[in-house]
Amino acid sequence: MDGERLAVYLHSLEREEDGLLQDIAKEAAASFVPIIRKETGSLLKTLIALKQPRRILEIGTATGYSALLMSSVMPEGCVITTMEKYEKRIPVARENFRRAGKEDVITLLAGDAAEGLKTLTPPFDFVFMDAAKGQYLTFLPEVLRLLPVGGVLVSDNVLQGGDILESRFAVERRNRTIHARVREYLYRLKHMDCLQTAVVPVGDGVSISVKLDGKMAGGQGRAAGKTAEGRGAEGRESL
């Protein structure tokens, strides 16, 4: 199956977003700020509509496009907390929330998510992670603290344009640390007792995890051990 042709066909099926979201997408592209792909946005909206969350947490606001996309299908009474560390993007996102009339349901927290997450109070029943990929592992313990049983964690860009399939030695040296961290992140998601996870090749790869129970410590211990074994196996395969 031709992946590029399939992507074009799937894009052709998508309905156009409202005028403001289209404008925000164009403005982001003109400023070279990445936003979620059309097919990823469609999946995200479907998951929000299915889950019907009461509190959404987004890690990585950028210009506010994905937060506004989620707000278009979230149930009445739901609120979004979104976190962004890049100072130049923060006023742009806040202005976009104002333009959309969503300032009362979307709260932007400025600063490093690694610290900001520690200040939040659970529960957040839906978490969308779309920040620096090398930090997903750092964020994970706090995200799990905030998620209730049945809560959903969606992580974007986990296939890294296909680089995730390669040996670390086939990846550019400057990208090897991120490559290793994303691989370990996916392994942990798939092997933690408290999560049920699927990795879906939509857009640049999306992982969807549901929190099953509170047995985080045992799951993390087993996942960490297996990950170490996996890294050893990877090293042998790369020789």
Protein backbone atom coordinates (compact mmCIF):
# COMPACT_ATOMS: atom_id res chain seq x y z
CA MET A 1 0.00 0.00 0.00
CA ASP A 2 1.32 3.45 -0.99
CA GLY A 3 1.45 5.38 2.29
CA GLU A 4 1.70 8.79 0.62
CA ARG A 5 -1.32 8.17 -1.62
CA LEU A 6 -3.28 6.85 1.35
CA ALA A 7 -2.48 9.98 3.36
CA VAL A 8 -3.66 12.20 0.49
CA TYR A 9 -6.90 10.22 0.24
CA LEU A 10 -7.53 10.39 3.98
CA HIS A 11 -6.89 14.14 3.96
CA SER A 12 -9.45 14.48 1.18
CA LEU A 13 -12.10 12.99 3.47
CA GLU A 14 -11.58 15.54 6.23
CA ARG A 15 -14.09 18.31 6.75
CA GLU A 16 -12.65 21.80 6.88
CA GLU A 17 -12.23 23.27 10.34
CA ASP A 18 -13.92 26.58 11.11
CA GLY A 19 -12.44 29.74 9.66
CA LEU A 20 -10.50 30.77 12.77
CA LEU A 21 -8.81 27.38 13.12
CA GLN A 22 -7.85 27.51 9.44
CA ASP A 23 -6.38 30.98 9.98
CA ILE A 24 -4.42 29.82 13.04
CA ALA A 25 -3.06 26.84 11.10
CA LYS A 26 -1.93 29.12 8.25
CA GLU A 27 -0.33 31.58 10.68
CA ALA A 28 1.53 28.76 12.42
CA ALA A 29 2.81 27.45 9.08
CA ALA A 30 3.98 30.93 8.09
CA SER A 31 5.89 31.19 11.38
CA PHE A 32 7.32 27.65 11.05
CA VAL A 33 5.53 26.53 14.24
CA PRO A 34 4.53 22.87 13.97
CA ILE A 35 0.93 21.90 14.73
CA ILE A 36 -0.73 18.50 14.72
CA ARG A 37 -1.42 16.92 11.35
CA LYS A 38 -4.96 16.69 9.98
CA GLU A 39 -5.30 12.96 10.57
CA THR A 40 -3.89 13.31 14.09
CA GLY A 41 -6.34 16.10 14.82
CA SER A 42 -9.21 13.94 13.59
CA LEU A 43 -8.13 11.10 15.90
CA LEU A 44 -7.74 13.50 18.83
CA LYS A 45 -11.22 14.93 18.35
CA THR A 46 -12.70 11.45 18.09
CA LEU A 47 -11.04 10.36 21.33
CA ILE A 48 -12.29 13.49 23.12
CA ALA A 49 -15.81 12.86 21.85
CA LEU A 50 -15.57 9.23 22.99
CA LYS A 51 -14.06 9.90 26.43
CA GLN A 52 -16.19 12.95 27.28
CA PRO A 53 -13.59 14.27 29.74
CA ARG A 54 -14.23 16.82 32.46
CA ARG A 55 -10.65 18.11 32.73
CA ILE A 56 -8.09 18.04 29.91
CA LEU A 57 -4.37 18.63 30.31
CA GLU A 58 -2.24 19.53 27.30
CA ILE A 59 1.56 19.59 27.52
CA GLY A 60 2.83 21.77 24.68
CA THR A 61 0.50 24.61 23.65
CA ALA A 62 2.43 26.06 20.68
CA THR A 63 -0.03 28.57 19.14
CA GLY A 64 -3.09 27.02 20.78
CA TYR A 65 -4.36 25.16 17.71
CA SER A 66 -4.74 21.71 19.28
CA ALA A 67 -6.32 23.10 22.47
CA LEU A 68 -8.91 24.90 20.38
CA LEU A 69 -9.43 21.77 18.30
CA MET A 70 -10.14 19.75 21.46
CA SER A 71 -12.42 22.47 22.82
CA SER A 72 -14.59 22.21 19.69
CA VAL A 73 -15.77 18.71 20.67
CA MET A 74 -15.37 18.58 24.45
CA PRO A 75 -18.55 18.35 26.56
CA GLU A 76 -20.15 21.32 28.26
CA GLY A 77 -18.46 22.03 31.58
CA CYS A 78 -15.10 20.60 30.49
CA VAL A 79 -12.01 22.78 30.95
CA ILE A 80 -8.51 22.62 29.45
CA THR A 81 -5.22 23.41 31.16
CA THR A 82 -2.39 23.80 28.66
CA MET A 83 1.33 24.28 29.35
CA GLU A 84 3.95 26.06 27.24
CA LYS A 85 7.57 27.04 27.98
CA TYR A 86 8.58 28.96 24.83
CA GLU A 87 8.04 32.62 25.65
CA LYS A 88 7.43 33.77 22.07
CA ARG A 89 4.54 31.34 21.64
CA ILE A 90 2.71 32.16 24.87
CA PRO A 91 1.21 35.57 23.89
CA VAL A 92 0.26 34.17 20.47
CA ALA A 93 -1.64 31.29 22.05
CA ARG A 94 -3.36 33.55 24.55
CA GLU A 95 -4.45 35.88 21.76
CA ASN A 96 -5.80 32.92 19.79
CA PHE A 97 -7.83 31.77 22.81
CA ARG A 98 -9.21 35.32 23.07
CA ARG A 99 -10.06 35.39 19.35
CA ALA A 100 -11.95 32.12 19.77
CA GLY A 101 -13.79 33.31 22.89
CA LYS A 102 -12.40 30.37 24.86
CA GLU A 103 -10.51 32.21 27.61
CA ASP A 104 -13.05 31.00 30.19
CA VAL A 105 -12.46 27.29 29.42
CA ILE A 106 -8.76 27.22 28.44
CA THR A 107 -6.08 28.17 30.97
CA LEU A 108 -2.49 28.55 29.77
CA LEU A 109 0.29 27.93 32.29
CA ALA A 110 3.64 29.41 31.25
CA GLY A 111 6.87 27.65 32.18
CA ASP A 112 8.66 24.32 32.15
CA ALA A 113 6.18 21.44 32.33
CA ALA A 114 8.65 19.32 34.32
CA GLU A 115 8.13 21.74 37.23
CA GLY A 116 4.63 22.90 36.43
CA LEU A 117 3.17 19.40 36.47
CA LYS A 118 4.17 19.03 40.12
CA THR A 119 1.91 21.94 41.07
CA LEU A 120 -1.24 20.48 39.50
CA THR A 121 -3.96 18.69 41.43
CA PRO A 122 -5.55 15.50 40.06
CA PRO A 123 -7.61 14.31 38.37
CA PHE A 124 -7.15 15.14 34.69
CA ASP A 125 -9.05 12.46 32.81
CA PHE A 126 -7.51 13.24 29.41
CA VAL A 127 -3.88 14.24 28.77
CA PHE A 128 -2.47 15.23 25.39
CA MET A 129 1.33 15.28 25.28
CA ASP A 130 2.85 17.18 22.34
CA ALA A 131 6.00 18.81 23.69
CA ALA A 132 9.74 18.09 23.45
CA LYS A 133 9.89 14.36 22.66
CA GLY A 134 13.03 13.82 24.69
CA GLN A 135 11.13 14.95 27.80
CA TYR A 136 8.19 12.52 27.57
CA LEU A 137 9.94 10.12 29.98
CA THR A 138 10.51 12.99 32.43
CA PHE A 139 6.85 14.00 32.33
CA LEU A 140 5.44 10.48 32.63
CA PRO A 141 5.52 9.96 36.45
CA GLU A 142 3.65 13.22 37.10
CA VAL A 143 1.19 12.52 34.28
CA LEU A 144 0.43 9.13 35.84
CA ARG A 145 -0.10 10.83 39.20
CA LEU A 146 -2.64 13.17 37.63
CA LEU A 147 -4.52 10.51 35.64
CA PRO A 148 -7.37 8.65 37.37
CA VAL A 149 -8.22 5.05 36.61
CA GLY A 150 -9.82 5.12 33.18
CA GLY A 151 -7.93 8.29 32.26
CA VAL A 152 -6.45 8.58 28.77
CA LEU A 153 -2.94 9.69 27.78
CA VAL A 154 -2.32 10.55 24.12
CA SER A 155 1.29 11.21 23.04
CA ASP A 156 2.05 12.65 19.60
CA ASN A 157 5.02 12.30 17.22
CA VAL A 158 6.29 9.05 18.73
CA LEU A 159 7.50 7.54 15.44
CA GLN A 160 9.83 10.47 14.66
CA GLY A 161 9.31 10.42 10.93
CA GLY A 162 10.25 6.74 10.81
CA ASP A 163 13.56 7.19 12.66
CA ILE A 164 12.20 5.15 15.56
CA LEU A 165 12.62 2.02 13.40
CA GLU A 166 16.34 2.59 12.91
CA SER A 167 19.30 1.50 14.99
CA ARG A 168 20.71 4.41 17.00
CA PHE A 169 23.82 4.23 14.82
CA ALA A 170 21.71 4.92 11.71
CA VAL A 171 20.29 8.08 13.27
CA GLU A 172 22.10 11.42 13.07
CA ARG A 173 24.34 11.83 16.11
CA ARG A 174 22.50 14.95 17.30
CA ASN A 175 19.22 12.99 17.36
CA ARG A 176 20.46 9.86 19.14
CA THR A 177 19.51 10.92 22.66
CA ILE A 178 15.94 11.74 21.63
CA HIS A 179 15.77 8.52 19.61
CA ALA A 180 16.79 6.46 22.66
CA ARG A 181 14.42 8.29 25.00
CA VAL A 182 11.39 7.94 22.72
CA ARG A 183 12.13 4.24 22.27
CA GLU A 184 12.31 3.79 26.03
CA TYR A 185 9.16 5.85 26.50
CA LEU A 186 7.20 3.60 24.15
CA TYR A 187 8.61 0.48 25.79
CA ARG A 188 7.56 1.71 29.22
CA LEU A 189 4.06 2.58 28.04
CA LYS A 190 3.67 -0.92 26.60
CA HIS A 191 5.04 -2.76 29.65
CA MET A 192 3.69 -0.87 32.69
CA ASP A 193 1.10 -2.78 34.70
CA CYS A 194 -1.03 0.33 35.15
CA LEU A 195 -1.42 1.10 31.45
CA GLN A 196 -3.00 -0.42 28.37
CA THR A 197 -1.34 1.17 25.35
CA ALA A 198 -1.66 1.08 21.58
CA VAL A 199 0.82 2.75 19.23
CA VAL A 200 -0.99 3.88 16.10
CA PRO A 201 0.80 4.89 12.85
CA VAL A 202 -1.35 7.98 12.33
CA GLY A 203 0.40 11.19 11.34
CA ASP A 204 3.86 10.93 12.85
CA GLY A 205 2.73 8.23 15.26
CA VAL A 206 0.39 8.46 18.24
CA SER A 207 0.38 6.37 21.40
CA ILE A 208 -2.93 5.98 23.24
CA SER A 209 -2.77 4.77 26.85
CA VAL A 210 -5.54 4.05 29.34
CA LYS A 211 -4.76 3.92 33.06
CA LEU A 212 -5.96 0.61 34.47
CA ASP A 213 -5.10 0.71 38.17
CA GLY A 214 -2.75 2.24 40.71
CA LYS A 215 0.01 -0.38 40.61
CA MET A 216 2.52 2.09 39.25
CA ALA A 217 5.56 1.04 41.23
CA GLY A 218 5.53 -2.61 40.16
CA GLY A 219 4.83 -1.74 36.56
CA GLN A 220 7.59 0.83 36.42
CA GLY A 221 10.08 -1.58 37.96
CA ARG A 222 9.35 -4.34 35.48
CA ALA A 223 9.29 -1.94 32.57
CA ALA A 224 12.65 -0.44 33.53
CA GLY A 225 14.25 -3.87 33.80
CA LYS A 226 12.87 -5.05 30.49
CA THR A 227 13.90 -1.82 28.86
CA ALA A 228 17.48 -2.41 29.92
CA GLU A 229 17.29 -5.87 28.36
CA GLY A 230 15.76 -4.33 25.23
CA ARG A 231 18.63 -1.88 24.95
CA GLY A 232 21.06 -4.79 25.21
CA ALA A 233 19.23 -6.63 22.45
CA GLU A 234 19.22 -3.52 20.31
CA GLY A 235 22.94 -3.16 20.77
CA ARG A 236 23.53 -6.75 19.69
CA GLU A 237 21.35 -6.26 16.61
CA SER A 238 23.33 -3.18 15.67
CA LEU A 239 26.72 -4.83 15.74
